[in-house]
Amino acid sequence: MTDDQSLKKAREGTAMLIDLVMRAARERGWSQPAEVFLRLALANRRHLFPFTD
């Protein structure tokens, strides 16, 4: 991160990733995240800064 704008974008991306992981876990009856749900979330969101850009 080199400036405030990219830091803000990274924070938003991180929050979105956490939401996607938890949504995937809940859809499958889990109450806690697991690595498989992280992988699913990243696979479903190809452009999620700073993780997939």
PDB file of N, CA and C in Angstrom:
ATOM      1  N   MET A   1       0.837  -1.152   0.000  1.00  0.00           N
ATOM      2  CA  MET A   1       0.000   0.000   0.000  1.00  0.00           C
ATOM      3  C   MET A   1       0.896   1.232   0.000  1.00  0.00           C
ATOM      4  N   THR A   2       0.642   2.089  -0.944  1.00  0.00           N
ATOM      5  CA  THR A   2       1.502   3.260  -1.075  1.00  0.00           C
ATOM      6  C   THR A   2       0.800   4.563  -0.743  1.00  0.00           C
ATOM      7  N   ASP A   3      -0.519   4.528  -0.642  1.00  0.00           N
ATOM      8  CA  ASP A   3      -1.243   5.758  -0.326  1.00  0.00           C
ATOM      9  C   ASP A   3      -2.550   5.426   0.397  1.00  0.00           C
ATOM     10  N   ASP A   4      -3.224   6.465   0.856  1.00  0.00           N
ATOM     11  CA  ASP A   4      -4.463   6.279   1.612  1.00  0.00           C
ATOM     12  C   ASP A   4      -5.559   5.630   0.779  1.00  0.00           C
ATOM     13  N   GLN A   5      -5.618   5.940  -0.491  1.00  0.00           N
ATOM     14  CA  GLN A   5      -6.663   5.390  -1.347  1.00  0.00           C
ATOM     15  C   GLN A   5      -6.505   3.870  -1.500  1.00  0.00           C
ATOM     16  N   SER A   6      -5.280   3.405  -1.719  1.00  0.00           N
ATOM     17  CA  SER A   6      -5.079   1.962  -1.863  1.00  0.00           C
ATOM     18  C   SER A   6      -5.278   1.252  -0.524  1.00  0.00           C
ATOM     19  N   LEU A   7      -4.956   1.908   0.582  1.00  0.00           N
ATOM     20  CA  LEU A   7      -5.205   1.330   1.898  1.00  0.00           C
ATOM     21  C   LEU A   7      -6.707   1.180   2.130  1.00  0.00           C
ATOM     22  N   LYS A   8      -7.479   2.183   1.765  1.00  0.00           N
ATOM     23  CA  LYS A   8      -8.934   2.109   1.899  1.00  0.00           C
ATOM     24  C   LYS A   8      -9.495   0.985   1.036  1.00  0.00           C
ATOM     25  N   LYS A   9      -8.992   0.864  -0.178  1.00  0.00           N
ATOM     26  CA  LYS A   9      -9.445  -0.182  -1.090  1.00  0.00           C
ATOM     27  C   LYS A   9      -9.097  -1.566  -0.529  1.00  0.00           C
ATOM     28  N   ALA A  10      -7.927  -1.697   0.076  1.00  0.00           N
ATOM     29  CA  ALA A  10      -7.520  -2.968   0.679  1.00  0.00           C
ATOM     30  C   ALA A  10      -8.406  -3.320   1.874  1.00  0.00           C
ATOM     31  N   ARG A  11      -8.754  -2.339   2.674  1.00  0.00           N
ATOM     32  CA  ARG A  11      -9.658  -2.586   3.812  1.00  0.00           C
ATOM     33  C   ARG A  11     -11.017  -3.062   3.332  1.00  0.00           C
ATOM     34  N   GLU A  12     -11.535  -2.425   2.302  1.00  0.00           N
ATOM     35  CA  GLU A  12     -12.830  -2.827   1.747  1.00  0.00           C
ATOM     36  C   GLU A  12     -12.761  -4.236   1.173  1.00  0.00           C
ATOM     37  N   GLY A  13     -11.664  -4.553   0.493  1.00  0.00           N
ATOM     38  CA  GLY A  13     -11.487  -5.890  -0.058  1.00  0.00           C
ATOM     39  C   GLY A  13     -11.410  -6.946   1.026  1.00  0.00           C
ATOM     40  N   THR A  14     -10.732  -6.629   2.117  1.00  0.00           N
ATOM     41  CA  THR A  14     -10.618  -7.561   3.236  1.00  0.00           C
ATOM     42  C   THR A  14     -11.976  -7.809   3.881  1.00  0.00           C
ATOM     43  N   ALA A  15     -12.735  -6.749   4.081  1.00  0.00           N
ATOM     44  CA  ALA A  15     -14.077  -6.897   4.660  1.00  0.00           C
ATOM     45  C   ALA A  15     -14.964  -7.730   3.747  1.00  0.00           C
ATOM     46  N   MET A  16     -14.887  -7.495   2.440  1.00  0.00           N
ATOM     47  CA  MET A  16     -15.682  -8.264   1.493  1.00  0.00           C
ATOM     48  C   MET A  16     -15.278  -9.728   1.522  1.00  0.00           C
ATOM     49  N   LEU A  17     -13.973  -9.995   1.601  1.00  0.00           N
ATOM     50  CA  LEU A  17     -13.494 -11.375   1.644  1.00  0.00           C
ATOM     51  C   LEU A  17     -14.024 -12.091   2.887  1.00  0.00           C
ATOM     52  N   ILE A  18     -13.982 -11.433   4.023  1.00  0.00           N
ATOM     53  CA  ILE A  18     -14.504 -12.043   5.255  1.00  0.00           C
ATOM     54  C   ILE A  18     -15.992 -12.333   5.118  1.00  0.00           C
ATOM     55  N   ASP A  19     -16.749 -11.391   4.557  1.00  0.00           N
ATOM     56  CA  ASP A  19     -18.178 -11.617   4.327  1.00  0.00           C
ATOM     57  C   ASP A  19     -18.418 -12.815   3.414  1.00  0.00           C
ATOM     58  N   LEU A  20     -17.648 -12.920   2.346  1.00  0.00           N
ATOM     59  CA  LEU A  20     -17.815 -14.028   1.406  1.00  0.00           C
ATOM     60  C   LEU A  20     -17.463 -15.370   2.046  1.00  0.00           C
ATOM     61  N   VAL A  21     -16.417 -15.390   2.851  1.00  0.00           N
ATOM     62  CA  VAL A  21     -16.024 -16.626   3.540  1.00  0.00           C
ATOM     63  C   VAL A  21     -17.127 -17.062   4.496  1.00  0.00           C
ATOM     64  N   MET A  22     -17.635 -16.145   5.283  1.00  0.00           N
ATOM     65  CA  MET A  22     -18.676 -16.496   6.254  1.00  0.00           C
ATOM     66  C   MET A  22     -19.980 -16.884   5.566  1.00  0.00           C
ATOM     67  N   ARG A  23     -20.307 -16.229   4.477  1.00  0.00           N
ATOM     68  CA  ARG A  23     -21.516 -16.586   3.728  1.00  0.00           C
ATOM     69  C   ARG A  23     -21.404 -18.015   3.194  1.00  0.00           C
ATOM     70  N   ALA A  24     -20.245 -18.357   2.628  1.00  0.00           N
ATOM     71  CA  ALA A  24     -20.036 -19.706   2.105  1.00  0.00           C
ATOM     72  C   ALA A  24     -20.130 -20.739   3.235  1.00  0.00           C
ATOM     73  N   ALA A  25     -19.574 -20.425   4.381  1.00  0.00           N
ATOM     74  CA  ALA A  25     -19.633 -21.349   5.522  1.00  0.00           C
ATOM     75  C   ALA A  25     -21.078 -21.543   5.986  1.00  0.00           C
ATOM     76  N   ARG A  26     -21.802 -20.463   6.134  1.00  0.00           N
ATOM     77  CA  ARG A  26     -23.203 -20.558   6.605  1.00  0.00           C
ATOM     78  C   ARG A  26     -24.087 -21.310   5.617  1.00  0.00           C
ATOM     79  N   GLU A  27     -23.858 -21.100   4.333  1.00  0.00           N
ATOM     80  CA  GLU A  27     -24.649 -21.800   3.317  1.00  0.00           C
ATOM     81  C   GLU A  27     -24.467 -23.315   3.410  1.00  0.00           C
ATOM     82  N   ARG A  28     -23.358 -23.732   3.958  1.00  0.00           N
ATOM     83  CA  ARG A  28     -23.067 -25.153   4.081  1.00  0.00           C
ATOM     84  C   ARG A  28     -23.247 -25.664   5.513  1.00  0.00           C
ATOM     85  N   GLY A  29     -23.854 -24.843   6.368  1.00  0.00           N
ATOM     86  CA  GLY A  29     -24.187 -25.273   7.722  1.00  0.00           C
ATOM     87  C   GLY A  29     -23.075 -25.145   8.739  1.00  0.00           C
ATOM     88  N   TRP A  30     -22.021 -24.413   8.411  1.00  0.00           N
ATOM     89  CA  TRP A  30     -20.913 -24.213   9.337  1.00  0.00           C
ATOM     90  C   TRP A  30     -21.095 -22.888  10.060  1.00  0.00           C
ATOM     91  N   SER A  31     -20.669 -22.828  11.307  1.00  0.00           N
ATOM     92  CA  SER A  31     -20.750 -21.563  12.049  1.00  0.00           C
ATOM     93  C   SER A  31     -19.394 -20.866  12.136  1.00  0.00           C
ATOM     94  N   GLN A  32     -18.344 -21.562  11.713  1.00  0.00           N
ATOM     95  CA  GLN A  32     -17.000 -20.984  11.742  1.00  0.00           C
ATOM     96  C   GLN A  32     -16.352 -21.148  10.370  1.00  0.00           C
ATOM     97  N   PRO A  33     -15.466 -20.235  10.025  1.00  0.00           N
ATOM     98  CA  PRO A  33     -14.801 -20.342   8.731  1.00  0.00           C
ATOM     99  C   PRO A  33     -13.776 -21.478   8.715  1.00  0.00           C
ATOM    100  N   ALA A  34     -13.494 -21.957   7.531  1.00  0.00           N
ATOM    101  CA  ALA A  34     -12.448 -22.962   7.323  1.00  0.00           C
ATOM    102  C   ALA A  34     -11.712 -22.591   6.035  1.00  0.00           C
ATOM    103  N   GLU A  35     -10.548 -23.161   5.850  1.00  0.00           N
ATOM    104  CA  GLU A  35      -9.722 -22.822   4.687  1.00  0.00           C
ATOM    105  C   GLU A  35     -10.459 -23.050   3.370  1.00  0.00           C
ATOM    106  N   VAL A  36     -11.263 -24.074   3.311  1.00  0.00           N
ATOM    107  CA  VAL A  36     -11.990 -24.370   2.073  1.00  0.00           C
ATOM    108  C   VAL A  36     -12.904 -23.204   1.677  1.00  0.00           C
ATOM    109  N   PHE A  37     -13.483 -22.532   2.637  1.00  0.00           N
ATOM    110  CA  PHE A  37     -14.370 -21.413   2.343  1.00  0.00           C
ATOM    111  C   PHE A  37     -13.593 -20.191   1.872  1.00  0.00           C
ATOM    112  N   LEU A  38     -12.385 -20.031   2.377  1.00  0.00           N
ATOM    113  CA  LEU A  38     -11.514 -18.970   1.878  1.00  0.00           C
ATOM    114  C   LEU A  38     -11.185 -19.215   0.406  1.00  0.00           C
ATOM    115  N   ARG A  39     -10.861 -20.451   0.089  1.00  0.00           N
ATOM    116  CA  ARG A  39     -10.559 -20.791  -1.302  1.00  0.00           C
ATOM    117  C   ARG A  39     -11.770 -20.568  -2.205  1.00  0.00           C
ATOM    118  N   LEU A  40     -12.942 -20.942  -1.738  1.00  0.00           N
ATOM    119  CA  LEU A  40     -14.165 -20.715  -2.520  1.00  0.00           C
ATOM    120  C   LEU A  40     -14.413 -19.229  -2.744  1.00  0.00           C
ATOM    121  N   ALA A  41     -14.237 -18.450  -1.700  1.00  0.00           N
ATOM    122  CA  ALA A  41     -14.469 -17.006  -1.810  1.00  0.00           C
ATOM    123  C   ALA A  41     -13.505 -16.373  -2.803  1.00  0.00           C
ATOM    124  N   LEU A  42     -12.241 -16.760  -2.740  1.00  0.00           N
ATOM    125  CA  LEU A  42     -11.255 -16.214  -3.670  1.00  0.00           C
ATOM    126  C   LEU A  42     -11.525 -16.666  -5.101  1.00  0.00           C
ATOM    127  N   ALA A  43     -11.985 -17.886  -5.273  1.00  0.00           N
ATOM    128  CA  ALA A  43     -12.292 -18.391  -6.614  1.00  0.00           C
ATOM    129  C   ALA A  43     -13.503 -17.693  -7.214  1.00  0.00           C
ATOM    130  N   ASN A  44     -14.449 -17.320  -6.371  1.00  0.00           N
ATOM    131  CA  ASN A  44     -15.675 -16.681  -6.864  1.00  0.00           C
ATOM    132  C   ASN A  44     -15.520 -15.189  -7.101  1.00  0.00           C
ATOM    133  N   ARG A  45     -14.502 -14.585  -6.535  1.00  0.00           N
ATOM    134  CA  ARG A  45     -14.241 -13.151  -6.727  1.00  0.00           C
ATOM    135  C   ARG A  45     -12.857 -12.983  -7.317  1.00  0.00           C
ATOM    136  N   ARG A  46     -12.764 -13.026  -8.615  1.00  0.00           N
ATOM    137  CA  ARG A  46     -11.464 -12.981  -9.297  1.00  0.00           C
ATOM    138  C   ARG A  46     -10.703 -11.686  -9.068  1.00  0.00           C
ATOM    139  N   HIS A  47     -11.397 -10.576  -8.918  1.00  0.00           N
ATOM    140  CA  HIS A  47     -10.744  -9.265  -8.777  1.00  0.00           C
ATOM    141  C   HIS A  47     -11.076  -8.668  -7.418  1.00  0.00           C
ATOM    142  N   LEU A  48     -10.381  -9.134  -6.426  1.00  0.00           N
ATOM    143  CA  LEU A  48     -10.612  -8.666  -5.061  1.00  0.00           C
ATOM    144  C   LEU A  48      -9.292  -8.134  -4.513  1.00  0.00           C
ATOM    145  N   PHE A  49      -9.116  -6.819  -4.643  1.00  0.00           N
ATOM    146  CA  PHE A  49      -7.890  -6.164  -4.205  1.00  0.00           C
ATOM    147  C   PHE A  49      -7.741  -6.278  -2.703  1.00  0.00           C
ATOM    148  N   PRO A  50      -6.614  -6.557  -2.182  1.00  0.00           N
ATOM    149  CA  PRO A  50      -5.295  -6.800  -2.755  1.00  0.00           C
ATOM    150  C   PRO A  50      -4.991  -8.278  -2.943  1.00  0.00           C
ATOM    151  N   PHE A  51      -5.990  -9.135  -2.810  1.00  0.00           N
ATOM    152  CA  PHE A  51      -5.752 -10.584  -2.780  1.00  0.00           C
ATOM    153  C   PHE A  51      -5.605 -11.214  -4.161  1.00  0.00           C
ATOM    154  N   THR A  52      -6.325 -10.743  -5.136  1.00  0.00           N
ATOM    155  CA  THR A  52      -6.298 -11.387  -6.453  1.00  0.00           C
ATOM    156  C   THR A  52      -5.891 -10.448  -7.570  1.00  0.00           C
ATOM    157  N   ASP A  53      -5.520  -9.237  -7.252  1.00  0.00           N
ATOM    158  CA  ASP A  53      -5.091  -8.299  -8.300  1.00  0.00           C
ATOM    159  C   ASP A  53      -3.598  -8.338  -8.472  1.00  0.00           C
TER     160      ASP A  53
END
